N, C-alpha and C. Protein backbone atom coordinates (compact mmCIF):
# COMPACT_ATOMS: atom_id res chain seq x y z
N MET A 1 -8.03 -24.56 -20.13
CA MET A 1 -7.65 -23.65 -21.20
C MET A 1 -8.74 -23.66 -22.25
N THR A 2 -9.02 -22.50 -22.82
CA THR A 2 -10.04 -22.36 -23.83
C THR A 2 -9.55 -22.97 -25.13
N GLU A 3 -10.39 -23.77 -25.75
CA GLU A 3 -10.02 -24.42 -27.00
C GLU A 3 -9.82 -23.39 -28.09
N GLY A 4 -8.81 -23.58 -28.92
CA GLY A 4 -8.56 -22.70 -30.04
C GLY A 4 -7.56 -21.59 -29.76
N LEU A 5 -7.20 -21.36 -28.50
CA LEU A 5 -6.21 -20.34 -28.19
C LEU A 5 -4.81 -20.89 -28.44
N PRO A 6 -3.89 -20.05 -28.88
CA PRO A 6 -2.53 -20.52 -29.11
C PRO A 6 -1.89 -21.07 -27.84
N GLN A 7 -0.98 -22.00 -27.99
CA GLN A 7 -0.31 -22.62 -26.87
C GLN A 7 0.54 -21.63 -26.07
N LEU A 8 0.91 -20.48 -26.64
CA LEU A 8 1.76 -19.55 -25.91
C LEU A 8 0.98 -18.75 -24.88
N VAL A 9 -0.33 -18.85 -24.83
CA VAL A 9 -1.10 -18.09 -23.85
C VAL A 9 -0.72 -18.45 -22.42
N PRO A 10 -0.65 -19.72 -22.02
CA PRO A 10 -0.27 -20.00 -20.64
C PRO A 10 1.11 -19.45 -20.28
N GLU A 11 2.05 -19.52 -21.18
CA GLU A 11 3.39 -18.99 -20.94
C GLU A 11 3.33 -17.48 -20.72
N ALA A 12 2.57 -16.79 -21.54
CA ALA A 12 2.44 -15.34 -21.41
C ALA A 12 1.75 -14.97 -20.11
N GLU A 13 0.77 -15.77 -19.68
CA GLU A 13 0.08 -15.49 -18.43
C GLU A 13 1.02 -15.58 -17.24
N ARG A 14 2.02 -16.44 -17.32
CA ARG A 14 3.00 -16.58 -16.24
C ARG A 14 4.08 -15.52 -16.33
N GLY A 15 4.03 -14.69 -17.35
CA GLY A 15 5.03 -13.65 -17.51
C GLY A 15 6.26 -14.10 -18.26
N GLY A 16 6.23 -15.32 -18.78
CA GLY A 16 7.36 -15.84 -19.54
C GLY A 16 7.34 -15.35 -20.97
N PHE A 17 8.33 -15.78 -21.73
CA PHE A 17 8.48 -15.36 -23.11
C PHE A 17 8.56 -16.59 -23.98
N ASP A 18 7.76 -16.65 -25.02
CA ASP A 18 7.79 -17.76 -25.96
C ASP A 18 8.97 -17.55 -26.91
N ARG A 19 9.98 -18.37 -26.78
CA ARG A 19 11.22 -18.18 -27.56
C ARG A 19 11.00 -18.33 -29.05
N ARG A 20 9.89 -18.94 -29.47
CA ARG A 20 9.60 -19.04 -30.90
C ARG A 20 9.39 -17.66 -31.52
N MET A 21 8.95 -16.69 -30.70
CA MET A 21 8.76 -15.33 -31.21
C MET A 21 10.09 -14.70 -31.60
N LEU A 22 11.17 -15.16 -31.00
CA LEU A 22 12.49 -14.60 -31.27
C LEU A 22 12.87 -14.77 -32.74
N GLU A 23 12.37 -15.82 -33.38
CA GLU A 23 12.66 -16.06 -34.79
C GLU A 23 12.08 -14.96 -35.68
N ALA A 24 11.00 -14.34 -35.24
CA ALA A 24 10.32 -13.33 -36.05
C ALA A 24 10.73 -11.91 -35.70
N LEU A 25 11.34 -11.71 -34.55
CA LEU A 25 11.68 -10.36 -34.10
C LEU A 25 13.11 -9.99 -34.45
N VAL A 26 13.31 -8.73 -34.81
CA VAL A 26 14.64 -8.17 -35.05
C VAL A 26 14.70 -6.81 -34.37
N CYS A 27 15.88 -6.28 -34.22
CA CYS A 27 16.07 -4.96 -33.63
C CYS A 27 15.37 -3.92 -34.51
N PRO A 28 14.55 -3.05 -33.91
CA PRO A 28 13.87 -2.04 -34.72
C PRO A 28 14.81 -0.98 -35.31
N LEU A 29 16.00 -0.83 -34.74
CA LEU A 29 16.96 0.15 -35.27
C LEU A 29 17.86 -0.43 -36.36
N THR A 30 18.40 -1.61 -36.10
CA THR A 30 19.43 -2.17 -36.99
C THR A 30 18.96 -3.34 -37.84
N GLN A 31 17.81 -3.88 -37.50
CA GLN A 31 17.27 -5.09 -38.16
C GLN A 31 18.14 -6.32 -37.88
N ALA A 32 19.02 -6.23 -36.90
CA ALA A 32 19.89 -7.34 -36.52
C ALA A 32 19.14 -8.31 -35.61
N PRO A 33 19.62 -9.55 -35.52
CA PRO A 33 18.98 -10.53 -34.63
C PRO A 33 19.07 -10.09 -33.17
N LEU A 34 18.14 -10.60 -32.39
CA LEU A 34 18.09 -10.31 -30.95
C LEU A 34 18.45 -11.57 -30.17
N HIS A 35 18.95 -11.38 -28.96
CA HIS A 35 19.26 -12.50 -28.07
C HIS A 35 18.42 -12.37 -26.81
N TYR A 36 17.89 -13.48 -26.36
CA TYR A 36 17.00 -13.50 -25.20
C TYR A 36 17.81 -13.63 -23.92
N ASP A 37 17.64 -12.69 -23.00
CA ASP A 37 18.25 -12.75 -21.68
C ASP A 37 17.15 -13.12 -20.70
N ALA A 38 17.08 -14.40 -20.34
CA ALA A 38 16.00 -14.91 -19.48
C ALA A 38 16.08 -14.33 -18.07
N GLU A 39 17.28 -14.11 -17.57
CA GLU A 39 17.44 -13.60 -16.21
C GLU A 39 16.85 -12.19 -16.07
N ARG A 40 17.12 -11.35 -17.04
CA ARG A 40 16.63 -9.96 -16.99
C ARG A 40 15.31 -9.77 -17.71
N GLN A 41 14.81 -10.81 -18.39
CA GLN A 41 13.59 -10.72 -19.19
C GLN A 41 13.70 -9.57 -20.19
N GLU A 42 14.72 -9.68 -21.06
CA GLU A 42 14.98 -8.68 -22.07
C GLU A 42 15.38 -9.35 -23.38
N LEU A 43 15.16 -8.62 -24.47
CA LEU A 43 15.70 -9.00 -25.77
C LEU A 43 16.84 -8.03 -26.06
N VAL A 44 18.02 -8.58 -26.30
CA VAL A 44 19.23 -7.78 -26.42
C VAL A 44 19.65 -7.65 -27.88
N SER A 45 19.87 -6.40 -28.28
CA SER A 45 20.44 -6.11 -29.59
C SER A 45 21.88 -5.66 -29.37
N LYS A 46 22.81 -6.56 -29.68
CA LYS A 46 24.22 -6.20 -29.55
C LYS A 46 24.60 -5.14 -30.57
N ALA A 47 23.98 -5.16 -31.74
CA ALA A 47 24.30 -4.20 -32.80
C ALA A 47 23.92 -2.78 -32.39
N ALA A 48 22.81 -2.62 -31.70
CA ALA A 48 22.37 -1.29 -31.27
C ALA A 48 22.77 -0.97 -29.84
N ALA A 49 23.34 -1.96 -29.14
CA ALA A 49 23.72 -1.82 -27.72
C ALA A 49 22.52 -1.42 -26.86
N LEU A 50 21.38 -2.10 -27.13
CA LEU A 50 20.15 -1.84 -26.38
C LEU A 50 19.53 -3.16 -25.92
N ALA A 51 18.80 -3.07 -24.82
CA ALA A 51 18.05 -4.22 -24.30
C ALA A 51 16.58 -3.80 -24.21
N PHE A 52 15.72 -4.56 -24.89
CA PHE A 52 14.30 -4.27 -24.92
C PHE A 52 13.59 -5.12 -23.87
N PRO A 53 12.77 -4.50 -23.01
CA PRO A 53 12.13 -5.26 -21.93
C PRO A 53 11.03 -6.18 -22.45
N ILE A 54 10.78 -7.22 -21.65
CA ILE A 54 9.65 -8.11 -21.89
C ILE A 54 8.74 -7.96 -20.67
N ARG A 55 7.51 -7.55 -20.89
CA ARG A 55 6.56 -7.35 -19.80
C ARG A 55 5.35 -8.23 -20.02
N ARG A 56 5.07 -9.06 -19.02
CA ARG A 56 3.94 -9.99 -19.09
C ARG A 56 3.99 -10.86 -20.34
N GLY A 57 5.21 -11.21 -20.73
CA GLY A 57 5.40 -12.09 -21.88
C GLY A 57 5.39 -11.36 -23.22
N ILE A 58 5.29 -10.03 -23.21
CA ILE A 58 5.21 -9.26 -24.45
C ILE A 58 6.47 -8.41 -24.61
N PRO A 59 7.22 -8.60 -25.70
CA PRO A 59 8.40 -7.77 -25.94
C PRO A 59 7.98 -6.33 -26.26
N ILE A 60 8.60 -5.37 -25.61
CA ILE A 60 8.34 -3.96 -25.85
C ILE A 60 9.45 -3.46 -26.77
N MET A 61 9.15 -3.37 -28.05
CA MET A 61 10.16 -3.08 -29.06
C MET A 61 10.22 -1.59 -29.41
N LEU A 62 10.11 -0.75 -28.42
CA LEU A 62 10.20 0.69 -28.59
C LEU A 62 11.57 1.17 -28.11
N VAL A 63 12.24 1.93 -28.93
CA VAL A 63 13.57 2.42 -28.58
C VAL A 63 13.52 3.24 -27.31
N ASP A 64 12.46 4.02 -27.12
CA ASP A 64 12.32 4.84 -25.92
C ASP A 64 12.20 4.00 -24.63
N GLU A 65 11.79 2.74 -24.77
CA GLU A 65 11.64 1.86 -23.61
C GLU A 65 12.89 1.00 -23.39
N ALA A 66 13.81 1.01 -24.34
CA ALA A 66 15.01 0.16 -24.27
C ALA A 66 16.02 0.72 -23.26
N ARG A 67 16.78 -0.22 -22.71
CA ARG A 67 17.85 0.12 -21.77
C ARG A 67 19.19 0.04 -22.50
N PRO A 68 20.02 1.09 -22.39
CA PRO A 68 21.35 1.02 -22.99
C PRO A 68 22.18 -0.08 -22.32
N LEU A 69 22.93 -0.82 -23.10
CA LEU A 69 23.80 -1.85 -22.53
C LEU A 69 25.02 -1.20 -21.90
N ASP A 70 25.47 -1.80 -20.82
CA ASP A 70 26.66 -1.30 -20.11
C ASP A 70 27.92 -1.61 -20.89
């Protein structure tokens, strides 16, 4: 690993999600907290009834990319 890079780089390279980012992220519509669904690799906003995908370890916080919750 290259010196000076954040520790979350290896996790992101594996396609995982650094859960510490969850503390800083909120739903872009409601500003409500998000919940991490590890199985589906999504951040879920119960307030907006949307699930935002995580691709290659990066949360895609665009409403147009979100999946409506069932």
